[in-house]
C-alpha atoms as a PDB file:
ATOM      1  CA  MET A   1       5.936   4.556   7.801  1.00  0.00           C
ATOM      2  CA  ARG A   2       3.412   3.630  10.454  1.00  0.00           C
ATOM      3  CA  LEU A   3      -0.186   4.169   9.456  1.00  0.00           C
ATOM      4  CA  PRO A   4      -2.922   4.996  11.972  1.00  0.00           C
ATOM      5  CA  VAL A   5      -4.936   1.871  12.805  1.00  0.00           C
ATOM      6  CA  LEU A   6      -3.607   0.032   9.748  1.00  0.00           C
ATOM      7  CA  CYS A   7       0.096   0.328  10.447  1.00  0.00           C
ATOM      8  CA  GLY A   8       1.035  -0.385   6.853  1.00  0.00           C
ATOM      9  CA  SER A   9      -0.141  -3.971   6.971  1.00  0.00           C
ATOM     10  CA  ALA A  10       1.410  -6.017   4.175  1.00  0.00           C
ATOM     11  CA  VAL A  11      -1.387  -8.181   2.925  1.00  0.00           C
ATOM     12  CA  LEU A  12      -2.265  -9.162  -0.588  1.00  0.00           C
ATOM     13  CA  VAL A  13      -5.841 -10.066  -1.348  1.00  0.00           C
ATOM     14  CA  ALA A  14      -6.941 -12.816  -3.652  1.00  0.00           C
ATOM     15  CA  CYS A  15     -10.085 -14.845  -3.992  1.00  0.00           C
ATOM     16  CA  THR A  16     -11.560 -17.719  -5.914  1.00  0.00           C
ATOM     17  CA  LEU A  17     -14.628 -16.317  -7.634  1.00  0.00           C
ATOM     18  CA  GLN A  18     -17.230 -18.480  -9.296  1.00  0.00           C
ATOM     19  CA  ALA A  19     -18.094 -18.124 -12.967  1.00  0.00           C
ATOM     20  CA  GLN A  20     -20.418 -15.172 -13.655  1.00  0.00           C
ATOM     21  CA  GLN A  21     -22.415 -14.517 -10.475  1.00  0.00           C
ATOM     22  CA  VAL A  22     -20.804 -14.145  -7.074  1.00  0.00           C
ATOM     23  CA  SER A  23     -22.572 -13.008  -3.935  1.00  0.00           C
ATOM     24  CA  ALA A  24     -20.993 -10.301  -1.788  1.00  0.00           C
ATOM     25  CA  PRO A  25     -20.726 -12.569   1.300  1.00  0.00           C
ATOM     26  CA  ASP A  26     -18.872 -15.194  -0.759  1.00  0.00           C
ATOM     27  CA  VAL A  27     -16.441 -12.568  -2.024  1.00  0.00           C
ATOM     28  CA  ARG A  28     -15.814 -11.184   1.467  1.00  0.00           C
ATOM     29  CA  GLU A  29     -15.058 -14.605   2.911  1.00  0.00           C
ATOM     30  CA  ALA A  30     -12.755 -15.568   0.040  1.00  0.00           C
ATOM     31  CA  LEU A  31     -10.826 -12.305   0.360  1.00  0.00           C
ATOM     32  CA  SER A  32     -10.502 -12.617   4.126  1.00  0.00           C
ATOM     33  CA  ALA A  33      -9.262 -16.203   3.929  1.00  0.00           C
ATOM     34  CA  TYR A  34      -6.539 -15.268   1.464  1.00  0.00           C
ATOM     35  CA  ILE A  35      -5.459 -12.252   3.509  1.00  0.00           C
ATOM     36  CA  ASP A  36      -5.012 -14.416   6.593  1.00  0.00           C
ATOM     37  CA  ARG A  37      -2.738 -16.724   4.633  1.00  0.00           C
ATOM     38  CA  PHE A  38      -0.830 -13.945   2.926  1.00  0.00           C
ATOM     39  CA  VAL A  39      -0.057 -12.106   6.164  1.00  0.00           C
ATOM     40  CA  ASP A  40       1.798 -15.195   7.338  1.00  0.00           C
ATOM     41  CA  GLU A  41       3.705 -15.430   4.054  1.00  0.00           C
ATOM     42  CA  TYR A  42       4.648 -11.821   3.336  1.00  0.00           C
ATOM     43  CA  THR A  43       5.496 -10.155   6.646  1.00  0.00           C
ATOM     44  CA  ASN A  44       9.117  -9.752   7.721  1.00  0.00           C
ATOM     45  CA  VAL A  45      10.374  -9.082   4.212  1.00  0.00           C
ATOM     46  CA  VAL A  46      12.831  -6.448   2.951  1.00  0.00           C
ATOM     47  CA  ALA A  47      12.908  -5.188  -0.654  1.00  0.00           C
ATOM     48  CA  GLU A  48      14.424  -2.338  -2.633  1.00  0.00           C
ATOM     49  CA  GLU A  49      12.178   0.483  -3.809  1.00  0.00           C
ATOM     50  CA  GLN A  50      12.966   2.928  -6.622  1.00  0.00           C
ATOM     51  CA  TYR A  51      10.513   5.826  -6.332  1.00  0.00           C
ATOM     52  CA  THR A  52      10.362   8.668  -8.876  1.00  0.00           C
ATOM     53  CA  GLN A  53       8.207  11.704  -8.054  1.00  0.00           C
ATOM     54  CA  GLU A  54       7.283  14.653 -10.286  1.00  0.00           C
ATOM     55  CA  ALA A  55       5.575  17.991  -9.587  1.00  0.00           C
ATOM     56  CA  ASP A  56       4.576  20.905 -11.828  1.00  0.00           C
ATOM     57  CA  ARG A  57       4.664  24.138  -9.774  1.00  0.00           C
ATOM     58  CA  PRO A  58       7.546  24.569  -9.580  1.00  0.00           C
ATOM     59  CA  ARG A  59       8.418  21.813 -12.037  1.00  0.00           C
ATOM     60  CA  GLY A  60      10.653  19.199 -10.491  1.00  0.00           C
ATOM     61  CA  LYS A  61      11.589  15.540 -10.440  1.00  0.00           C
ATOM     62  CA  ARG A  62      13.184  13.385  -7.756  1.00  0.00           C
ATOM     63  CA  THR A  63      14.198   9.736  -7.640  1.00  0.00           C
ATOM     64  CA  LEU A  64      14.807   7.916  -4.374  1.00  0.00           C
ATOM     65  CA  ARG A  65      16.142   4.416  -3.803  1.00  0.00           C
ATOM     66  CA  SER A  66      15.297   2.935  -0.429  1.00  0.00           C
ATOM     67  CA  HIS A  67      15.104  -0.264   1.537  1.00  0.00           C
ATOM     68  CA  PHE A  68      11.409  -1.106   1.984  1.00  0.00           C
ATOM     69  CA  VAL A  69      10.659  -3.257   5.025  1.00  0.00           C
ATOM     70  CA  VAL A  70       7.459  -4.938   6.222  1.00  0.00           C
ATOM     71  CA  VAL A  71       7.649  -6.374   9.722  1.00  0.00           C
ATOM     72  CA  CYS A  72       5.337  -8.083  12.170  1.00  0.00           C
ATOM     73  CA  PHE A  73       6.764  -7.180  15.567  1.00  0.00           C
ATOM     74  CA  PRO A  74       5.850  -7.515  18.350  1.00  0.00           C
ATOM     75  CA  GLY A  75       2.887  -9.891  18.306  1.00  0.00           C
ATOM     76  CA  SER A  76       0.687  -9.582  15.227  1.00  0.00           C
ATOM     77  CA  GLN A  77       0.999  -5.843  14.565  1.00  0.00           C
ATOM     78  CA  ILE A  78       2.323  -5.067  11.080  1.00  0.00           C
ATOM     79  CA  TYR A  79       4.493  -2.080  10.178  1.00  0.00           C
ATOM     80  CA  VAL A  80       5.987  -0.627   6.987  1.00  0.00           C
ATOM     81  CA  PHE A  81       9.251   1.371   6.972  1.00  0.00           C
ATOM     82  CA  ARG A  82      11.559   2.959   4.387  1.00  0.00           C
ATOM     83  CA  ASP A  83      15.251   3.880   4.577  1.00  0.00           C
ATOM     84  CA  VAL A  84      16.551   5.978   1.664  1.00  0.00           C
ATOM     85  CA  PHE A  85      20.126   5.428   0.497  1.00  0.00           C
ATOM     86  CA  ASP A  86      20.183   7.333  -2.822  1.00  0.00           C
ATOM     87  CA  VAL A  87      18.562  10.625  -3.919  1.00  0.00           C
ATOM     88  CA  ASP A  88      18.812  11.627  -7.587  1.00  0.00           C
ATOM     89  CA  GLY A  89      21.809   9.373  -8.113  1.00  0.00           C
ATOM     90  CA  LYS A  90      23.724  10.625  -5.085  1.00  0.00           C
ATOM     91  CA  ARG A  91      24.406   8.198  -2.274  1.00  0.00           C
ATOM     92  CA  THR A  92      23.178   9.409   1.107  1.00  0.00           C
ATOM     93  CA  ARG A  93      24.635   6.369   2.881  1.00  0.00           C
ATOM     94  CA  ASP A  94      26.144   2.973   2.143  1.00  0.00           C
ATOM     95  CA  PRO A  95      23.351   0.792   0.635  1.00  0.00           C
ATOM     96  CA  GLU A  96      25.084  -2.309   1.979  1.00  0.00           C
ATOM     97  CA  ASP A  97      24.455  -0.992   5.480  1.00  0.00           C
ATOM     98  CA  GLU A  98      20.839  -2.181   5.794  1.00  0.00           C
ATOM     99  CA  ARG A  99      19.929  -0.355   8.981  1.00  0.00           C
ATOM    100  CA  LEU A 100      16.302  -1.466   9.106  1.00  0.00           C
ATOM    101  CA  ARG A 101      17.267  -5.071   8.543  1.00  0.00           C
ATOM    102  CA  LYS A 102      19.741  -4.896  11.421  1.00  0.00           C
ATOM    103  CA  LEU A 103      17.083  -3.425  13.710  1.00  0.00           C
ATOM    104  CA  PHE A 104      14.725  -6.327  13.135  1.00  0.00           C
ATOM    105  CA  ASP A 105      17.150  -9.182  12.641  1.00  0.00           C
ATOM    106  CA  GLN A 106      17.980  -8.664  16.320  1.00  0.00           C
ATOM    107  CA  PRO A 107      15.002  -6.640  17.613  1.00  0.00           C
ATOM    108  CA  THR A 108      14.838  -4.834  20.952  1.00  0.00           C
ATOM    109  CA  CYS A 109      12.157  -2.785  22.671  1.00  0.00           C
ATOM    110  CA  LEU A 110      13.556   0.277  20.868  1.00  0.00           C
ATOM    111  CA  SER A 111      13.487  -1.168  17.337  1.00  0.00           C
ATOM    112  CA  LEU A 112      10.093   0.221  16.314  1.00  0.00           C
ATOM    113  CA  ALA A 113      10.833   3.766  17.501  1.00  0.00           C
ATOM    114  CA  GLN A 114      14.249   3.743  15.822  1.00  0.00           C
ATOM    115  CA  ALA A 115      12.776   2.410  12.571  1.00  0.00           C
ATOM    116  CA  GLN A 116      10.108   5.121  12.637  1.00  0.00           C
ATOM    117  CA  GLU A 117      12.789   7.809  12.955  1.00  0.00           C
ATOM    118  CA  VAL A 118      14.572   6.374   9.923  1.00  0.00           C
ATOM    119  CA  SER A 119      11.336   6.234   7.916  1.00  0.00           C
ATOM    120  CA  ASP A 120      10.399   9.822   8.860  1.00  0.00           C
ATOM    121  CA  ALA A 121      13.780  10.992   7.590  1.00  0.00           C
ATOM    122  CA  THR A 122      13.114   9.262   4.267  1.00  0.00           C
ATOM    123  CA  SER A 123       9.758  11.072   3.925  1.00  0.00           C
ATOM    124  CA  SER A 124      11.526  14.403   4.377  1.00  0.00           C
ATOM    125  CA  SER A 125      13.381  13.703   1.107  1.00  0.00           C
ATOM    126  CA  TYR A 126      10.180  13.604  -0.976  1.00  0.00           C
ATOM    127  CA  ILE A 127       9.607  16.319  -3.558  1.00  0.00           C
ATOM    128  CA  ARG A 128       6.481  17.479  -1.639  1.00  0.00           C
ATOM    129  CA  GLU A 129       4.722  16.563   1.583  1.00  0.00           C
ATOM    130  CA  ILE A 130       2.262  13.816   0.586  1.00  0.00           C
ATOM    131  CA  GLY A 131       1.304  12.237   3.909  1.00  0.00           C
ATOM    132  CA  THR A 132       1.608   8.555   4.736  1.00  0.00           C
ATOM    133  CA  VAL A 133      -0.684   6.749   2.296  1.00  0.00           C
ATOM    134  CA  ASN A 134       2.039   5.989  -0.287  1.00  0.00           C
ATOM    135  CA  ASN A 135       2.008   2.354   0.728  1.00  0.00           C
ATOM    136  CA  PRO A 136       1.638  -0.307  -2.002  1.00  0.00           C
ATOM    137  CA  LEU A 137      -0.083  -2.594   0.515  1.00  0.00           C
ATOM    138  CA  LEU A 138      -2.570  -0.102   1.935  1.00  0.00           C
ATOM    139  CA  VAL A 139      -5.598  -1.573   0.157  1.00  0.00           C
ATOM    140  CA  MET A 140      -4.716  -4.954   1.576  1.00  0.00           C
ATOM    141  CA  SER A 141      -4.507  -3.458   5.047  1.00  0.00           C
ATOM    142  CA  LEU A 142      -7.949  -1.909   4.739  1.00  0.00           C
ATOM    143  CA  LEU A 143      -9.549  -5.185   3.643  1.00  0.00           C
ATOM    144  CA  GLN A 144      -8.340  -7.420   6.467  1.00  0.00           C
ATOM    145  CA  ARG A 145     -10.885  -9.763   8.049  1.00  0.00           C
ATOM    146  CA  ALA A 146     -11.309  -7.590  11.151  1.00  0.00           C
ATOM    147  CA  ASN A 147     -12.362  -4.672   8.947  1.00  0.00           C
ATOM    148  CA  ARG A 148     -14.578  -6.398   6.420  1.00  0.00           C
ATOM    149  CA  HIS A 149     -17.840  -5.189   8.047  1.00  0.00           C
ATOM    150  CA  ARG A 150     -16.777  -1.660   7.081  1.00  0.00           C
ATOM    151  CA  PHE A 151     -16.833  -2.318   3.345  1.00  0.00           C
ATOM    152  CA  VAL A 152     -19.341  -3.091   0.632  1.00  0.00           C
ATOM    153  CA  LEU A 153     -17.836  -5.343  -2.056  1.00  0.00           C
ATOM    154  CA  LEU A 154     -19.258  -5.173  -5.567  1.00  0.00           C
ATOM    155  CA  PRO A 155     -18.260  -8.018  -7.944  1.00  0.00           C
ATOM    156  CA  GLY A 156     -17.968  -6.650 -11.471  1.00  0.00           C
ATOM    157  CA  GLY A 157     -17.314  -7.852 -14.972  1.00  0.00           C
ATOM    158  CA  ARG A 158     -14.250  -9.223 -16.698  1.00  0.00           C
ATOM    159  CA  GLU A 159     -11.334  -6.970 -17.601  1.00  0.00           C
ATOM    160  CA  LYS A 160     -10.291  -8.617 -20.865  1.00  0.00           C
ATOM    161  CA  LYS A 161      -7.517  -6.143 -21.624  1.00  0.00           C
ATOM    162  CA  LEU A 162      -5.664  -7.557 -18.595  1.00  0.00           C
ATOM    163  CA  GLY A 163      -6.458 -11.151 -19.488  1.00  0.00           C
ATOM    164  CA  PRO A 164      -9.436 -13.397 -20.251  1.00  0.00           C
ATOM    165  CA  THR A 165      -9.743 -14.578 -16.639  1.00  0.00           C
ATOM    166  CA  ILE A 166      -9.443 -11.223 -14.841  1.00  0.00           C
ATOM    167  CA  ARG A 167     -12.543  -9.988 -12.981  1.00  0.00           C
ATOM    168  CA  THR A 168     -12.997  -6.700 -11.119  1.00  0.00           C
ATOM    169  CA  VAL A 169     -14.313  -6.326  -7.570  1.00  0.00           C
ATOM    170  CA  GLY A 170     -15.170  -2.854  -6.296  1.00  0.00           C
ATOM    171  CA  PHE A 171     -15.015  -1.862  -2.649  1.00  0.00           C
ATOM    172  CA  LYS A 172     -16.364   1.106  -0.684  1.00  0.00           C
ATOM    173  CA  GLU A 173     -16.049   1.996   3.000  1.00  0.00           C
ATOM    174  CA  VAL A 174     -19.479   2.672   4.519  1.00  0.00           C
ATOM    175  CA  VAL A 175     -18.823   2.752   8.280  1.00  0.00           C
ATOM    176  CA  THR A 176     -17.846   5.882  10.214  1.00  0.00           C
ATOM    177  CA  PRO A 177     -15.597   7.001  11.714  1.00  0.00           C
ATOM    178  CA  THR A 178     -13.433   5.882   8.793  1.00  0.00           C
ATOM    179  CA  MET A 179     -10.138   4.062   9.234  1.00  0.00           C
ATOM    180  CA  LEU A 180      -8.163   6.838   7.554  1.00  0.00           C
ATOM    181  CA  ARG A 181      -8.599  10.446   8.674  1.00  0.00           C
ATOM    182  CA  TRP A 182      -8.312  13.763   6.841  1.00  0.00           C
ATOM    183  CA  GLY A 183      -6.481  16.428   8.816  1.00  0.00           C
ATOM    184  CA  GLY A 184      -6.592  14.235  11.893  1.00  0.00           C
ATOM    185  CA  ASN A 185     -10.330  14.605  12.607  1.00  0.00           C
ATOM    186  CA  MET A 186     -12.314  14.309   9.354  1.00  0.00           C
ATOM    187  CA  ASP A 187     -13.600  11.128   7.741  1.00  0.00           C
ATOM    188  CA  LEU A 188     -11.641   9.964   4.698  1.00  0.00           C
ATOM    189  CA  PRO A 189     -13.631   7.051   3.233  1.00  0.00           C
ATOM    190  CA  ALA A 190     -11.734   4.580   1.076  1.00  0.00           C
ATOM    191  CA  GLU A 191     -13.044   3.184  -2.179  1.00  0.00           C
ATOM    192  CA  GLY A 192     -11.546   1.513  -5.184  1.00  0.00           C
ATOM    193  CA  LYS A 193     -11.206  -1.647  -7.193  1.00  0.00           C
ATOM    194  CA  LEU A 194      -9.445  -5.019  -7.210  1.00  0.00           C
ATOM    195  CA  TRP A 195      -8.528  -6.995 -10.333  1.00  0.00           C
ATOM    196  CA  VAL A 196      -8.678 -10.743  -9.602  1.00  0.00           C
ATOM    197  CA  ASP A 197      -7.266 -13.594 -11.694  1.00  0.00           C
ATOM    198  CA  GLU A 198     -10.023 -16.153 -11.136  1.00  0.00           C
ATOM    199  CA  PRO A 199      -8.298 -19.471 -11.900  1.00  0.00           C
ATOM    200  CA  ALA A 200      -5.239 -18.616  -9.777  1.00  0.00           C
ATOM    201  CA  GLY A 201      -7.249 -16.757  -7.126  1.00  0.00           C
ATOM    202  CA  ARG A 202      -4.723 -13.924  -7.240  1.00  0.00           C
ATOM    203  CA  ILE A 203      -4.919 -10.137  -7.254  1.00  0.00           C
ATOM    204  CA  VAL A 204      -3.030  -8.625 -10.170  1.00  0.00           C
ATOM    205  CA  LYS A 205      -3.902  -4.980  -9.498  1.00  0.00           C
ATOM    206  CA  THR A 206      -5.499  -2.665  -6.915  1.00  0.00           C
ATOM    207  CA  GLU A 207      -6.709   0.916  -7.120  1.00  0.00           C
ATOM    208  CA  LEU A 208      -7.461   3.119  -4.112  1.00  0.00           C
ATOM    209  CA  LYS A 209      -9.207   6.516  -4.252  1.00  0.00           C
ATOM    210  CA  LEU A 210      -9.204   8.889  -1.294  1.00  0.00           C
ATOM    211  CA  GLY A 211     -10.581  12.370  -0.698  1.00  0.00           C
ATOM    212  CA  GLU A 212     -12.728  12.980  -3.783  1.00  0.00           C
ATOM    213  CA  ARG A 213     -15.271  15.600  -2.730  1.00  0.00           C
ATOM    214  CA  GLU A 214     -16.965  18.925  -3.339  1.00  0.00           C
ATOM    215  CA  ILE A 215     -15.432  22.007  -1.728  1.00  0.00           C
ATOM    216  CA  ARG A 216     -18.017  24.698  -0.963  1.00  0.00           C
ATOM    217  CA  ASN A 217     -17.645  28.291   0.148  1.00  0.00           C
ATOM    218  CA  LEU A 218     -20.011  31.267   0.170  1.00  0.00           C
ATOM    219  CA  SER A 219     -19.964  31.841  -3.589  1.00  0.00           C
ATOM    220  CA  THR A 220     -18.630  28.754  -5.363  1.00  0.00           C
ATOM    221  CA  VAL A 221     -18.645  24.975  -5.421  1.00  0.00           C
ATOM    222  CA  ALA A 222     -15.426  23.293  -6.538  1.00  0.00           C
ATOM    223  CA  TRP A 223     -14.505  19.640  -7.057  1.00  0.00           C
ATOM    224  CA  ARG A 224     -11.353  18.222  -5.532  1.00  0.00           C
ATOM    225  CA  PRO A 225     -10.023  15.200  -7.415  1.00  0.00           C
ATOM    226  CA  PRO A 226      -9.032  12.161  -5.359  1.00  0.00           C
ATOM    227  CA  THR A 227      -5.664  10.867  -4.340  1.00  0.00           C
ATOM    228  CA  VAL A 228      -5.218   7.724  -6.453  1.00  0.00           C
ATOM    229  CA  ILE A 229      -2.848   4.856  -5.665  1.00  0.00           C
ATOM    230  CA  THR A 230      -2.633   2.023  -8.208  1.00  0.00           C
ATOM    231  CA  VAL A 231      -0.521  -1.082  -7.565  1.00  0.00           C
ATOM    232  CA  THR A 232       0.290  -4.076  -9.744  1.00  0.00           C
ATOM    233  CA  PHE A 233       1.428  -7.387  -8.285  1.00  0.00           C
ATOM    234  CA  GLY A 234       3.565 -10.256  -9.494  1.00  0.00           C
ATOM    235  CA  ARG A 235       5.192 -13.428  -8.247  1.00  0.00           C
ATOM    236  CA  ASP A 236       8.587 -13.585  -6.569  1.00  0.00           C
ATOM    237  CA  GLU A 237       9.759 -17.080  -7.436  1.00  0.00           C
ATOM    238  CA  GLU A 238      12.608 -17.162  -4.940  1.00  0.00           C
ATOM    239  CA  LEU A 239      10.333 -16.506  -1.958  1.00  0.00           C
ATOM    240  CA  GLY A 240       7.347 -18.224  -3.560  1.00  0.00           C
ATOM    241  CA  ILE A 241       4.909 -15.398  -2.748  1.00  0.00           C
ATOM    242  CA  ASP A 242       3.045 -12.596  -4.516  1.00  0.00           C
ATOM    243  CA  VAL A 243       4.677  -9.175  -4.108  1.00  0.00           C
ATOM    244  CA  PRO A 244       4.074  -5.568  -5.171  1.00  0.00           C
ATOM    245  CA  VAL A 245       5.823  -4.871  -8.470  1.00  0.00           C
ATOM    246  CA  GLU A 246       4.832  -1.278  -9.231  1.00  0.00           C
ATOM    247  CA  MET A 247       2.965   1.540  -7.480  1.00  0.00           C
ATOM    248  CA  ARG A 248       1.648   4.629  -9.283  1.00  0.00           C
ATOM    249  CA  ASP A 249       0.338   7.402  -7.044  1.00  0.00           C
ATOM    250  CA  LYS A 250      -1.164  10.833  -7.680  1.00  0.00           C
ATOM    251  CA  TYR A 251      -1.805  13.568  -5.105  1.00  0.00           C
ATOM    252  CA  PRO A 252      -3.785  16.715  -5.978  1.00  0.00           C
ATOM    253  CA  MET A 253      -2.521  19.890  -4.332  1.00  0.00           C
ATOM    254  CA  ASP A 254      -4.127  23.354  -4.203  1.00  0.00           C
ATOM    255  CA  GLN A 255      -2.245  24.539  -7.297  1.00  0.00           C
ATOM    256  CA  ASP A 256      -0.175  21.498  -8.127  1.00  0.00           C
ATOM    257  CA  GLU A 257      -0.148  17.736  -8.481  1.00  0.00           C
ATOM    258  CA  VAL A 258       2.453  15.235  -7.352  1.00  0.00           C
ATOM    259  CA  ARG A 259       2.804  12.031  -9.379  1.00  0.00           C
ATOM    260  CA  GLY A 260       4.930   9.046  -8.474  1.00  0.00           C
ATOM    261  CA  VAL A 261       6.048   5.695  -9.863  1.00  0.00           C
ATOM    262  CA  ALA A 262       7.688   3.154  -7.549  1.00  0.00           C
ATOM    263  CA  THR A 263       9.093  -0.243  -8.490  1.00  0.00           C
ATOM    264  CA  TYR A 264      10.110  -3.060  -6.132  1.00  0.00           C
ATOM    265  CA  SER A 265      12.824  -5.710  -6.412  1.00  0.00           C
ATOM    266  CA  ARG A 266      15.307  -7.863  -4.439  1.00  0.00           C
ATOM    267  CA  PHE A 267      12.823  -9.344  -1.968  1.00  0.00           C
ATOM    268  CA  ARG A 268      14.510 -11.100   0.985  1.00  0.00           C
ATOM    269  CA  ARG A 269      13.461 -12.526   4.318  1.00  0.00           C
ATOM    270  CA  LEU A 270      14.368 -10.991   7.654  1.00  0.00           C
ATOM    271  CA  ARG A 271      15.685 -13.437  10.210  1.00  0.00           C
ATOM    272  CA  LEU A 272      12.931 -12.210  12.510  1.00  0.00           C
ATOM    273  CA  SER A 273      10.450 -14.150  10.386  1.00  0.00           C
ATOM    274  CA  GLN A 274      11.999 -17.402  11.529  1.00  0.00           C
ATOM    275  CA  SER A 275      11.025 -16.794  15.136  1.00  0.00           C
ATOM    276  CA  ARG A 276       7.461 -15.689  14.496  1.00  0.00           C
END
């Protein structure tokens, strides 16, 4: 799944915040420094994703198992792709045949286009059309160093229910045109929250909200709830890096809502990462 401008960049933000008062510039620099380091550590990784989606009208449920690949090829551009191998318990192909891994273990000039075709086919298996923002690393992409001038960061209080050392940091995109677009030509500002484990300097959770707005016509004013994507992170001991563990996403439709829960496991390196 290639995202416009962001291209599904796989970056995980963390920062070392001081005790009770942290200035916004300090937070921005700490986040950017960690992102730079994490990009080097996390890219060129393949995992398995189990993604369950539900909708109400008509009521339905679908579970997909896919290979989830983050690559940095060519140069420094980062891409995210999926390749489904099981839909509702029925194999659609041999899961041992890791097609995306083969494409990037021995990449050619056609690898990106071929991987995009595979990822587009996976999206066609979703229970509804939900666009391309169902990326557990999207918040990290938005907050890369090159984009930090676009965002206001708002250090918050402690979130004791997640742990005594967890602090929240809000973010809001304030520059237009925005990085994400609605319908191809409308601004779609991003805002949300990070949960930071201060002593470890590690993000344990992110929340992204997109598209919350009033909808006006000649006689009424309605409120459209936002798309919400919440991701929790953990540590993969074998690779020695932080990784997405779970993504929960919610997409409001005109007369419906799509809800999803994705979990991630079996993180492995691509051989491509050795030549970067």
